[in-house]
């Protein structure tokens, strides 16, 4: 049994709807349904009755809910207690990114003064969940404008603020641009499924169904090590935001930019806006802002 399962159960019980819970958790209804089904299987008890117009707790579910709510509330208190420690701690989550990892190393070397750090690499939806749960003080992620517009409607009810660090475009990174142009097809290595997916933008540019079929994802990974190795040693390309993701000096890339595309991707920082930002996350955010401005 995991805390995230109990958090999911509590929100489902409070909203009486898998779809509403999915919206609050920034995930799909099917993922919420699978999470609850797995919890029910583990407990050997049915927690919810599935009704035509929603869900209701069973009698046993009512009992379990009280304990689950208590555990979720206690987890928040534990985090609050940890924050009272004399040693400051910075808790940050970010999308898998070699430039961000290198930048954090620079920050640690230049700015660290005995603080503790908890740095997590995660997909955007997990970053949002961690911020809502107060697990992290700052989260960094890429979002297409249309995706961010939808999320902004949900941010206020979850006490999330955000700051746009950079606006950029979608490009194809590849070791040999001429190779792809000659073959008129693009095979890709891409990150795990996430809110940002420039592939949809790229496909919109293609005029025919035949051209769109020639865009194929051959490798999917959440590892920057795999991503860098594949881009450096194979003919696979990668569709990503321009300007930050591939600033590694040891890998030379050609780029092919989407035609007729305005700047449509935002690299943002998210945080809780119902509490004052502490000294350490504020200092780190300033460092990242300066790095992005110089890149």
C-alpha atoms as a PDB file:
ATOM      1  CA  UNK A   1       0.000   0.000   0.000  1.00  0.00           C
ATOM      2  CA  UNK A   2       1.365   3.388  -1.000  1.00  0.00           C
ATOM      3  CA  UNK A   3       0.551   6.896   0.213  1.00  0.00           C
ATOM      4  CA  UNK A   4      -0.377   7.986  -3.320  1.00  0.00           C
ATOM      5  CA  UNK A   5      -3.096   5.291  -3.381  1.00  0.00           C
ATOM      6  CA  UNK A   6      -4.569   6.622  -0.141  1.00  0.00           C
ATOM      7  CA  UNK A   7      -4.368  10.191  -1.456  1.00  0.00           C
ATOM      8  CA  UNK A   8      -6.247   9.072  -4.556  1.00  0.00           C
ATOM      9  CA  UNK A   9      -8.883   7.287  -2.454  1.00  0.00           C
ATOM     10  CA  UNK A  10      -9.426  10.354  -0.249  1.00  0.00           C
ATOM     11  CA  UNK A  11      -9.947  12.661  -3.227  1.00  0.00           C
ATOM     12  CA  UNK A  12     -12.300  10.148  -4.888  1.00  0.00           C
ATOM     13  CA  UNK A  13     -14.339   9.935  -1.682  1.00  0.00           C
ATOM     14  CA  UNK A  14     -14.507  13.716  -1.377  1.00  0.00           C
ATOM     15  CA  UNK A  15     -15.456  14.368  -5.009  1.00  0.00           C
ATOM     16  CA  UNK A  16     -17.595  11.199  -5.412  1.00  0.00           C
ATOM     17  CA  UNK A  17     -16.279  10.952  -8.953  1.00  0.00           C
ATOM     18  CA  UNK A  18     -13.291   9.282 -10.634  1.00  0.00           C
ATOM     19  CA  UNK A  19     -13.300  11.914 -13.372  1.00  0.00           C
ATOM     20  CA  UNK A  20     -13.281  14.860 -10.934  1.00  0.00           C
ATOM     21  CA  UNK A  21     -10.562  13.166  -8.897  1.00  0.00           C
ATOM     22  CA  UNK A  22      -8.527  12.679 -12.069  1.00  0.00           C
ATOM     23  CA  UNK A  23      -8.841  16.400 -12.831  1.00  0.00           C
ATOM     24  CA  UNK A  24      -7.590  17.347  -9.355  1.00  0.00           C
ATOM     25  CA  UNK A  25      -4.732  14.834  -9.578  1.00  0.00           C
ATOM     26  CA  UNK A  26      -3.792  15.936 -13.122  1.00  0.00           C
ATOM     27  CA  UNK A  27      -4.099  12.409 -14.470  1.00  0.00           C
ATOM     28  CA  UNK A  28      -6.577  10.330 -16.482  1.00  0.00           C
ATOM     29  CA  UNK A  29      -9.786   8.745 -15.216  1.00  0.00           C
ATOM     30  CA  UNK A  30      -8.460   5.316 -16.209  1.00  0.00           C
ATOM     31  CA  UNK A  31      -5.364   5.826 -14.021  1.00  0.00           C
ATOM     32  CA  UNK A  32      -7.551   6.742 -11.040  1.00  0.00           C
ATOM     33  CA  UNK A  33      -9.752   3.705 -11.653  1.00  0.00           C
ATOM     34  CA  UNK A  34      -6.686   1.425 -11.862  1.00  0.00           C
ATOM     35  CA  UNK A  35      -5.238   2.889  -8.650  1.00  0.00           C
ATOM     36  CA  UNK A  36      -8.462   2.270  -6.722  1.00  0.00           C
ATOM     37  CA  UNK A  37      -8.850  -1.221  -8.197  1.00  0.00           C
ATOM     38  CA  UNK A  38      -5.289  -2.103  -7.137  1.00  0.00           C
ATOM     39  CA  UNK A  39      -5.952  -0.793  -3.607  1.00  0.00           C
ATOM     40  CA  UNK A  40      -9.190  -2.785  -3.354  1.00  0.00           C
ATOM     41  CA  UNK A  41      -7.376  -5.919  -4.521  1.00  0.00           C
ATOM     42  CA  UNK A  42      -4.606  -5.415  -1.961  1.00  0.00           C
ATOM     43  CA  UNK A  43      -7.094  -4.838   0.881  1.00  0.00           C
ATOM     44  CA  UNK A  44      -9.414  -7.614  -0.251  1.00  0.00           C
ATOM     45  CA  UNK A  45     -12.335  -5.257   0.284  1.00  0.00           C
ATOM     46  CA  UNK A  46     -14.551  -3.222  -2.013  1.00  0.00           C
ATOM     47  CA  UNK A  47     -14.096   0.473  -1.183  1.00  0.00           C
ATOM     48  CA  UNK A  48     -16.457   2.133  -3.677  1.00  0.00           C
ATOM     49  CA  UNK A  49     -19.805   1.274  -5.227  1.00  0.00           C
ATOM     50  CA  UNK A  50     -19.793   2.317  -8.874  1.00  0.00           C
ATOM     51  CA  UNK A  51     -23.086   4.122  -9.597  1.00  0.00           C
ATOM     52  CA  UNK A  52     -24.454   5.423 -12.859  1.00  0.00           C
ATOM     53  CA  UNK A  53     -23.903   9.035 -11.797  1.00  0.00           C
ATOM     54  CA  UNK A  54     -20.802   8.664  -9.639  1.00  0.00           C
ATOM     55  CA  UNK A  55     -19.302   6.609  -6.832  1.00  0.00           C
ATOM     56  CA  UNK A  56     -20.089   6.083  -3.147  1.00  0.00           C
ATOM     57  CA  UNK A  57     -18.094   4.596  -0.302  1.00  0.00           C
ATOM     58  CA  UNK A  58     -19.159   1.171   0.892  1.00  0.00           C
ATOM     59  CA  UNK A  59     -19.658   0.595   4.605  1.00  0.00           C
ATOM     60  CA  UNK A  60     -16.149  -0.838   4.818  1.00  0.00           C
ATOM     61  CA  UNK A  61     -14.928   2.000   2.612  1.00  0.00           C
ATOM     62  CA  UNK A  62     -16.241   4.534   5.149  1.00  0.00           C
ATOM     63  CA  UNK A  63     -14.096   2.903   7.836  1.00  0.00           C
ATOM     64  CA  UNK A  64     -11.007   2.769   5.632  1.00  0.00           C
ATOM     65  CA  UNK A  65     -11.540   6.369   4.499  1.00  0.00           C
ATOM     66  CA  UNK A  66     -11.228   7.700   8.079  1.00  0.00           C
ATOM     67  CA  UNK A  67      -7.838   6.025   8.498  1.00  0.00           C
ATOM     68  CA  UNK A  68      -6.698   7.003   4.992  1.00  0.00           C
ATOM     69  CA  UNK A  69      -7.604  10.655   5.624  1.00  0.00           C
ATOM     70  CA  UNK A  70      -5.701  10.569   8.891  1.00  0.00           C
ATOM     71  CA  UNK A  71      -2.602   9.129   7.184  1.00  0.00           C
ATOM     72  CA  UNK A  72      -2.688  11.733   4.402  1.00  0.00           C
ATOM     73  CA  UNK A  73      -3.020  14.543   6.951  1.00  0.00           C
ATOM     74  CA  UNK A  74      -0.216  13.054   9.039  1.00  0.00           C
ATOM     75  CA  UNK A  75       2.083  12.909   6.009  1.00  0.00           C
ATOM     76  CA  UNK A  76       1.633  16.654   5.546  1.00  0.00           C
ATOM     77  CA  UNK A  77       2.379  17.242   9.235  1.00  0.00           C
ATOM     78  CA  UNK A  78       5.519  15.135   8.933  1.00  0.00           C
ATOM     79  CA  UNK A  79       6.721  17.364   6.088  1.00  0.00           C
ATOM     80  CA  UNK A  80       5.902  20.448   8.153  1.00  0.00           C
ATOM     81  CA  UNK A  81       7.859  18.990  11.064  1.00  0.00           C
ATOM     82  CA  UNK A  82      10.852  18.322   8.830  1.00  0.00           C
ATOM     83  CA  UNK A  83      10.788  21.936   7.665  1.00  0.00           C
ATOM     84  CA  UNK A  84      11.262  23.029  11.273  1.00  0.00           C
ATOM     85  CA  UNK A  85      14.690  21.367  11.371  1.00  0.00           C
ATOM     86  CA  UNK A  86      17.567  23.782  11.894  1.00  0.00           C
ATOM     87  CA  UNK A  87      19.172  22.636   8.635  1.00  0.00           C
ATOM     88  CA  UNK A  88      17.420  24.128   5.612  1.00  0.00           C
ATOM     89  CA  UNK A  89      16.369  21.744   2.865  1.00  0.00           C
ATOM     90  CA  UNK A  90      15.628  22.460  -0.772  1.00  0.00           C
ATOM     91  CA  UNK A  91      13.090  20.122  -2.401  1.00  0.00           C
ATOM     92  CA  UNK A  92      12.858  20.375  -6.187  1.00  0.00           C
ATOM     93  CA  UNK A  93      11.395  18.227  -8.967  1.00  0.00           C
ATOM     94  CA  UNK A  94      12.124  18.611 -12.685  1.00  0.00           C
ATOM     95  CA  UNK A  95      11.594  16.822 -15.969  1.00  0.00           C
ATOM     96  CA  UNK A  96      14.508  14.551 -17.006  1.00  0.00           C
ATOM     97  CA  UNK A  97      17.087  17.018 -18.314  1.00  0.00           C
ATOM     98  CA  UNK A  98      20.869  16.943 -18.566  1.00  0.00           C
ATOM     99  CA  UNK A  99      21.128  20.758 -18.588  1.00  0.00           C
ATOM    100  CA  UNK A 100      19.113  20.999 -15.358  1.00  0.00           C
ATOM    101  CA  UNK A 101      21.296  18.361 -13.702  1.00  0.00           C
ATOM    102  CA  UNK A 102      24.451  20.215 -14.726  1.00  0.00           C
ATOM    103  CA  UNK A 103      22.990  23.528 -13.573  1.00  0.00           C
ATOM    104  CA  UNK A 104      22.150  22.112 -10.156  1.00  0.00           C
ATOM    105  CA  UNK A 105      25.756  20.902  -9.848  1.00  0.00           C
ATOM    106  CA  UNK A 106      26.945  24.440 -10.603  1.00  0.00           C
ATOM    107  CA  UNK A 107      24.538  25.825  -8.007  1.00  0.00           C
ATOM    108  CA  UNK A 108      25.745  23.351  -5.382  1.00  0.00           C
ATOM    109  CA  UNK A 109      29.398  24.216  -6.004  1.00  0.00           C
ATOM    110  CA  UNK A 110      28.818  27.977  -6.000  1.00  0.00           C
ATOM    111  CA  UNK A 111      25.990  28.513  -3.538  1.00  0.00           C
ATOM    112  CA  UNK A 112      25.747  25.566  -1.140  1.00  0.00           C
ATOM    113  CA  UNK A 113      26.297  26.516   2.504  1.00  0.00           C
ATOM    114  CA  UNK A 114      25.493  23.363   4.458  1.00  0.00           C
ATOM    115  CA  UNK A 115      21.885  22.950   3.293  1.00  0.00           C
ATOM    116  CA  UNK A 116      20.284  19.620   2.398  1.00  0.00           C
ATOM    117  CA  UNK A 117      18.859  18.894  -1.042  1.00  0.00           C
ATOM    118  CA  UNK A 118      16.203  16.521  -2.365  1.00  0.00           C
ATOM    119  CA  UNK A 119      16.180  16.682  -6.189  1.00  0.00           C
ATOM    120  CA  UNK A 120      13.680  14.453  -8.044  1.00  0.00           C
ATOM    121  CA  UNK A 121      13.401  13.793 -11.792  1.00  0.00           C
ATOM    122  CA  UNK A 122       9.781  13.118 -12.792  1.00  0.00           C
ATOM    123  CA  UNK A 123       7.162  13.606 -15.543  1.00  0.00           C
ATOM    124  CA  UNK A 124       5.230  16.886 -15.464  1.00  0.00           C
ATOM    125  CA  UNK A 125       2.044  15.399 -14.009  1.00  0.00           C
ATOM    126  CA  UNK A 126       4.015  13.899 -11.103  1.00  0.00           C
ATOM    127  CA  UNK A 127       5.739  17.253 -10.533  1.00  0.00           C
ATOM    128  CA  UNK A 128       2.334  18.928 -10.227  1.00  0.00           C
ATOM    129  CA  UNK A 129       1.119  16.285  -7.764  1.00  0.00           C
ATOM    130  CA  UNK A 130       4.256  16.722  -5.656  1.00  0.00           C
ATOM    131  CA  UNK A 131       3.761  20.485  -5.473  1.00  0.00           C
ATOM    132  CA  UNK A 132       0.095  20.078  -4.473  1.00  0.00           C
ATOM    133  CA  UNK A 133       1.103  17.621  -1.727  1.00  0.00           C
ATOM    134  CA  UNK A 134       3.847  19.976  -0.473  1.00  0.00           C
ATOM    135  CA  UNK A 135       6.470  17.350  -1.206  1.00  0.00           C
ATOM    136  CA  UNK A 136       8.501  19.879  -3.206  1.00  0.00           C
ATOM    137  CA  UNK A 137       8.946  23.622  -2.921  1.00  0.00           C
ATOM    138  CA  UNK A 138       9.647  24.148  -6.630  1.00  0.00           C
ATOM    139  CA  UNK A 139       8.841  22.215  -9.802  1.00  0.00           C
ATOM    140  CA  UNK A 140      10.208  22.829 -13.308  1.00  0.00           C
ATOM    141  CA  UNK A 141       8.549  21.597 -16.512  1.00  0.00           C
ATOM    142  CA  UNK A 142       7.795  22.305 -20.198  1.00  0.00           C
ATOM    143  CA  UNK A 143       4.224  22.867 -21.389  1.00  0.00           C
ATOM    144  CA  UNK A 144       2.718  23.711 -24.762  1.00  0.00           C
ATOM    145  CA  UNK A 145       0.639  26.895 -24.607  1.00  0.00           C
ATOM    146  CA  UNK A 146      -2.643  25.038 -25.140  1.00  0.00           C
ATOM    147  CA  UNK A 147      -1.833  22.565 -22.363  1.00  0.00           C
ATOM    148  CA  UNK A 148      -0.829  25.305 -19.947  1.00  0.00           C
ATOM    149  CA  UNK A 149      -4.053  27.215 -20.661  1.00  0.00           C
ATOM    150  CA  UNK A 150      -6.047  24.193 -19.469  1.00  0.00           C
ATOM    151  CA  UNK A 151      -3.879  23.687 -16.395  1.00  0.00           C
ATOM    152  CA  UNK A 152      -4.102  27.351 -15.378  1.00  0.00           C
ATOM    153  CA  UNK A 153      -7.832  26.870 -14.771  1.00  0.00           C
ATOM    154  CA  UNK A 154      -7.037  24.166 -12.199  1.00  0.00           C
ATOM    155  CA  UNK A 155      -4.113  25.928 -10.533  1.00  0.00           C
ATOM    156  CA  UNK A 156      -6.072  28.330  -8.253  1.00  0.00           C
ATOM    157  CA  UNK A 157      -8.144  25.614  -6.529  1.00  0.00           C
ATOM    158  CA  UNK A 158      -4.921  23.739  -5.800  1.00  0.00           C
ATOM    159  CA  UNK A 159      -3.018  26.846  -4.626  1.00  0.00           C
ATOM    160  CA  UNK A 160      -0.457  26.659  -7.416  1.00  0.00           C
ATOM    161  CA  UNK A 161       1.384  29.655  -8.775  1.00  0.00           C
ATOM    162  CA  UNK A 162       3.734  29.614 -11.750  1.00  0.00           C
ATOM    163  CA  UNK A 163       6.458  31.697 -13.344  1.00  0.00           C
ATOM    164  CA  UNK A 164       7.429  31.488 -17.024  1.00  0.00           C
ATOM    165  CA  UNK A 165      11.206  31.239 -17.271  1.00  0.00           C
ATOM    166  CA  UNK A 166      11.492  30.936 -21.059  1.00  0.00           C
ATOM    167  CA  UNK A 167       9.321  30.819 -24.172  1.00  0.00           C
ATOM    168  CA  UNK A 168      10.698  28.746 -26.996  1.00  0.00           C
ATOM    169  CA  UNK A 169       9.839  26.679 -30.077  1.00  0.00           C
ATOM    170  CA  UNK A 170       9.758  23.016 -30.995  1.00  0.00           C
ATOM    171  CA  UNK A 171      12.654  21.629 -33.020  1.00  0.00           C
ATOM    172  CA  UNK A 172      13.994  18.302 -34.224  1.00  0.00           C
ATOM    173  CA  UNK A 173      17.470  17.515 -32.892  1.00  0.00           C
ATOM    174  CA  UNK A 174      19.462  15.047 -34.960  1.00  0.00           C
ATOM    175  CA  UNK A 175      23.082  14.110 -35.515  1.00  0.00           C
ATOM    176  CA  UNK A 176      22.800  14.271 -39.315  1.00  0.00           C
ATOM    177  CA  UNK A 177      20.161  16.597 -40.757  1.00  0.00           C
ATOM    178  CA  UNK A 178      21.055  15.601 -44.328  1.00  0.00           C
ATOM    179  CA  UNK A 179      20.382  11.932 -43.521  1.00  0.00           C
ATOM    180  CA  UNK A 180      16.765  12.653 -42.522  1.00  0.00           C
ATOM    181  CA  UNK A 181      16.170  14.999 -45.447  1.00  0.00           C
ATOM    182  CA  UNK A 182      17.521  12.421 -47.903  1.00  0.00           C
ATOM    183  CA  UNK A 183      15.366   9.570 -46.560  1.00  0.00           C
ATOM    184  CA  UNK A 184      12.355  11.853 -46.017  1.00  0.00           C
ATOM    185  CA  UNK A 185      11.523  10.043 -42.777  1.00  0.00           C
ATOM    186  CA  UNK A 186      12.269  10.635 -39.111  1.00  0.00           C
ATOM    187  CA  UNK A 187      12.875   7.942 -36.515  1.00  0.00           C
ATOM    188  CA  UNK A 188      12.891   9.249 -32.965  1.00  0.00           C
ATOM    189  CA  UNK A 189      14.066   8.632 -29.442  1.00  0.00           C
ATOM    190  CA  UNK A 190      11.634  10.421 -27.103  1.00  0.00           C
ATOM    191  CA  UNK A 191      11.107  10.920 -23.382  1.00  0.00           C
ATOM    192  CA  UNK A 192       8.312   9.134 -21.556  1.00  0.00           C
ATOM    193  CA  UNK A 193       4.797  10.346 -22.300  1.00  0.00           C
ATOM    194  CA  UNK A 194       4.321  13.726 -20.701  1.00  0.00           C
ATOM    195  CA  UNK A 195       2.318  16.959 -20.951  1.00  0.00           C
ATOM    196  CA  UNK A 196       4.812  18.335 -23.453  1.00  0.00           C
ATOM    197  CA  UNK A 197       4.822  16.430 -26.745  1.00  0.00           C
ATOM    198  CA  UNK A 198       6.116  18.377 -29.715  1.00  0.00           C
ATOM    199  CA  UNK A 199       5.327  15.425 -31.977  1.00  0.00           C
ATOM    200  CA  UNK A 200       1.713  16.602 -32.312  1.00  0.00           C
ATOM    201  CA  UNK A 201       2.924  20.032 -33.447  1.00  0.00           C
ATOM    202  CA  UNK A 202       5.349  18.464 -35.889  1.00  0.00           C
ATOM    203  CA  UNK A 203       2.636  16.265 -37.407  1.00  0.00           C
ATOM    204  CA  UNK A 204       0.338  19.259 -37.876  1.00  0.00           C
ATOM    205  CA  UNK A 205       2.973  20.727 -40.199  1.00  0.00           C
ATOM    206  CA  UNK A 206       3.010  17.688 -42.491  1.00  0.00           C
ATOM    207  CA  UNK A 207       0.699  18.026 -45.449  1.00  0.00           C
ATOM    208  CA  UNK A 208      -0.114  14.371 -46.165  1.00  0.00           C
ATOM    209  CA  UNK A 209      -0.964  11.256 -44.170  1.00  0.00           C
ATOM    210  CA  UNK A 210       1.997   9.519 -45.818  1.00  0.00           C
ATOM    211  CA  UNK A 211       4.396  12.151 -44.449  1.00  0.00           C
ATOM    212  CA  UNK A 212       2.896  11.835 -40.980  1.00  0.00           C
ATOM    213  CA  UNK A 213       3.357   8.047 -41.046  1.00  0.00           C
ATOM    214  CA  UNK A 214       7.076   8.545 -41.694  1.00  0.00           C
ATOM    215  CA  UNK A 215       7.409  10.071 -38.225  1.00  0.00           C
ATOM    216  CA  UNK A 216       8.026   7.099 -35.922  1.00  0.00           C
ATOM    217  CA  UNK A 217       9.095   6.802 -32.296  1.00  0.00           C
ATOM    218  CA  UNK A 218      11.534   3.891 -32.126  1.00  0.00           C
ATOM    219  CA  UNK A 219      12.780   4.345 -28.539  1.00  0.00           C
ATOM    220  CA  UNK A 220      11.003   5.751 -25.480  1.00  0.00           C
ATOM    221  CA  UNK A 221      13.013   6.445 -22.331  1.00  0.00           C
ATOM    222  CA  UNK A 222      13.076   8.470 -19.111  1.00  0.00           C
ATOM    223  CA  UNK A 223      16.880   8.289 -18.958  1.00  0.00           C
ATOM    224  CA  UNK A 224      19.027  11.206 -20.083  1.00  0.00           C
ATOM    225  CA  UNK A 225      21.955   8.804 -20.346  1.00  0.00           C
ATOM    226  CA  UNK A 226      20.064   6.688 -22.914  1.00  0.00           C
ATOM    227  CA  UNK A 227      18.832   9.821 -24.697  1.00  0.00           C
ATOM    228  CA  UNK A 228      22.331  11.283 -25.058  1.00  0.00           C
ATOM    229  CA  UNK A 229      23.880   7.974 -26.104  1.00  0.00           C
ATOM    230  CA  UNK A 230      21.231   7.373 -28.789  1.00  0.00           C
ATOM    231  CA  UNK A 231      21.498  10.904 -30.175  1.00  0.00           C
ATOM    232  CA  UNK A 232      25.285  10.761 -30.205  1.00  0.00           C
ATOM    233  CA  UNK A 233      25.743   7.292 -31.670  1.00  0.00           C
ATOM    234  CA  UNK A 234      22.688   6.585 -33.845  1.00  0.00           C
ATOM    235  CA  UNK A 235      20.673   8.296 -36.583  1.00  0.00           C
ATOM    236  CA  UNK A 236      17.647   8.760 -34.316  1.00  0.00           C
ATOM    237  CA  UNK A 237      16.333  12.282 -33.786  1.00  0.00           C
ATOM    238  CA  UNK A 238      14.483  13.895 -30.894  1.00  0.00           C
ATOM    239  CA  UNK A 239      11.659  16.433 -30.919  1.00  0.00           C
ATOM    240  CA  UNK A 240      12.042  18.808 -27.963  1.00  0.00           C
ATOM    241  CA  UNK A 241      11.862  22.477 -26.959  1.00  0.00           C
ATOM    242  CA  UNK A 242      14.637  24.606 -28.426  1.00  0.00           C
ATOM    243  CA  UNK A 243      17.300  26.324 -26.390  1.00  0.00           C
ATOM    244  CA  UNK A 244      17.732  24.316 -23.182  1.00  0.00           C
ATOM    245  CA  UNK A 245      17.270  20.569 -23.437  1.00  0.00           C
ATOM    246  CA  UNK A 246      20.283  19.847 -25.624  1.00  0.00           C
ATOM    247  CA  UNK A 247      22.896  22.332 -24.479  1.00  0.00           C
ATOM    248  CA  UNK A 248      25.382  19.555 -23.703  1.00  0.00           C
ATOM    249  CA  UNK A 249      28.696  20.700 -25.158  1.00  0.00           C
ATOM    250  CA  UNK A 250      29.840  17.164 -25.898  1.00  0.00           C
ATOM    251  CA  UNK A 251      27.028  16.392 -28.352  1.00  0.00           C
ATOM    252  CA  UNK A 252      26.776  18.275 -31.625  1.00  0.00           C
ATOM    253  CA  UNK A 253      23.291  18.469 -33.116  1.00  0.00           C
ATOM    254  CA  UNK A 254      21.725  19.739 -36.285  1.00  0.00           C
ATOM    255  CA  UNK A 255      18.275  21.233 -35.782  1.00  0.00           C
ATOM    256  CA  UNK A 256      15.202  21.360 -37.994  1.00  0.00           C
ATOM    257  CA  UNK A 257      12.621  23.885 -36.825  1.00  0.00           C
ATOM    258  CA  UNK A 258       8.886  23.704 -37.339  1.00  0.00           C
ATOM    259  CA  UNK A 259       7.876  26.013 -40.154  1.00  0.00           C
ATOM    260  CA  UNK A 260       5.394  28.829 -39.520  1.00  0.00           C
ATOM    261  CA  UNK A 261       5.393  28.139 -35.818  1.00  0.00           C
ATOM    262  CA  UNK A 262       5.195  30.889 -33.231  1.00  0.00           C
ATOM    263  CA  UNK A 263       6.866  30.398 -29.876  1.00  0.00           C
ATOM    264  CA  UNK A 264       4.523  27.845 -28.373  1.00  0.00           C
ATOM    265  CA  UNK A 265       6.370  26.106 -25.542  1.00  0.00           C
ATOM    266  CA  UNK A 266       6.879  27.507 -22.058  1.00  0.00           C
ATOM    267  CA  UNK A 267       9.465  26.378 -19.524  1.00  0.00           C
ATOM    268  CA  UNK A 268       7.886  27.219 -16.185  1.00  0.00           C
ATOM    269  CA  UNK A 269       8.477  26.992 -12.458  1.00  0.00           C
ATOM    270  CA  UNK A 270       5.487  26.014 -10.291  1.00  0.00           C
ATOM    271  CA  UNK A 271       5.112  26.443  -6.540  1.00  0.00           C
ATOM    272  CA  UNK A 272       2.529  26.763  -3.770  1.00  0.00           C
ATOM    273  CA  UNK A 273       1.187  30.332  -3.722  1.00  0.00           C
ATOM    274  CA  UNK A 274      -0.698  30.006  -0.426  1.00  0.00           C
ATOM    275  CA  UNK A 275       2.507  30.307   1.583  1.00  0.00           C
ATOM    276  CA  UNK A 276       5.510  32.592   1.552  1.00  0.00           C
ATOM    277  CA  UNK A 277       8.434  31.250  -0.461  1.00  0.00           C
ATOM    278  CA  UNK A 278      11.355  30.533   1.838  1.00  0.00           C
ATOM    279  CA  UNK A 279      14.889  31.849   1.452  1.00  0.00           C
ATOM    280  CA  UNK A 280      16.450  28.696  -0.049  1.00  0.00           C
ATOM    281  CA  UNK A 281      13.928  27.997  -2.856  1.00  0.00           C
ATOM    282  CA  UNK A 282      13.886  31.719  -3.634  1.00  0.00           C
ATOM    283  CA  UNK A 283      17.691  31.715  -3.964  1.00  0.00           C
ATOM    284  CA  UNK A 284      17.631  28.628  -6.200  1.00  0.00           C
ATOM    285  CA  UNK A 285      14.881  30.069  -8.425  1.00  0.00           C
ATOM    286  CA  UNK A 286      16.947  33.247  -8.886  1.00  0.00           C
ATOM    287  CA  UNK A 287      19.933  31.116  -9.904  1.00  0.00           C
ATOM    288  CA  UNK A 288      17.848  29.227 -12.496  1.00  0.00           C
ATOM    289  CA  UNK A 289      16.372  32.491 -13.838  1.00  0.00           C
ATOM    290  CA  UNK A 290      19.870  33.885 -14.399  1.00  0.00           C
ATOM    291  CA  UNK A 291      21.027  30.679 -16.085  1.00  0.00           C
ATOM    292  CA  UNK A 292      18.053  30.649 -18.460  1.00  0.00           C
ATOM    293  CA  UNK A 293      18.515  34.321 -19.328  1.00  0.00           C
ATOM    294  CA  UNK A 294      22.163  33.676 -20.248  1.00  0.00           C
ATOM    295  CA  UNK A 295      21.455  30.546 -22.329  1.00  0.00           C
END
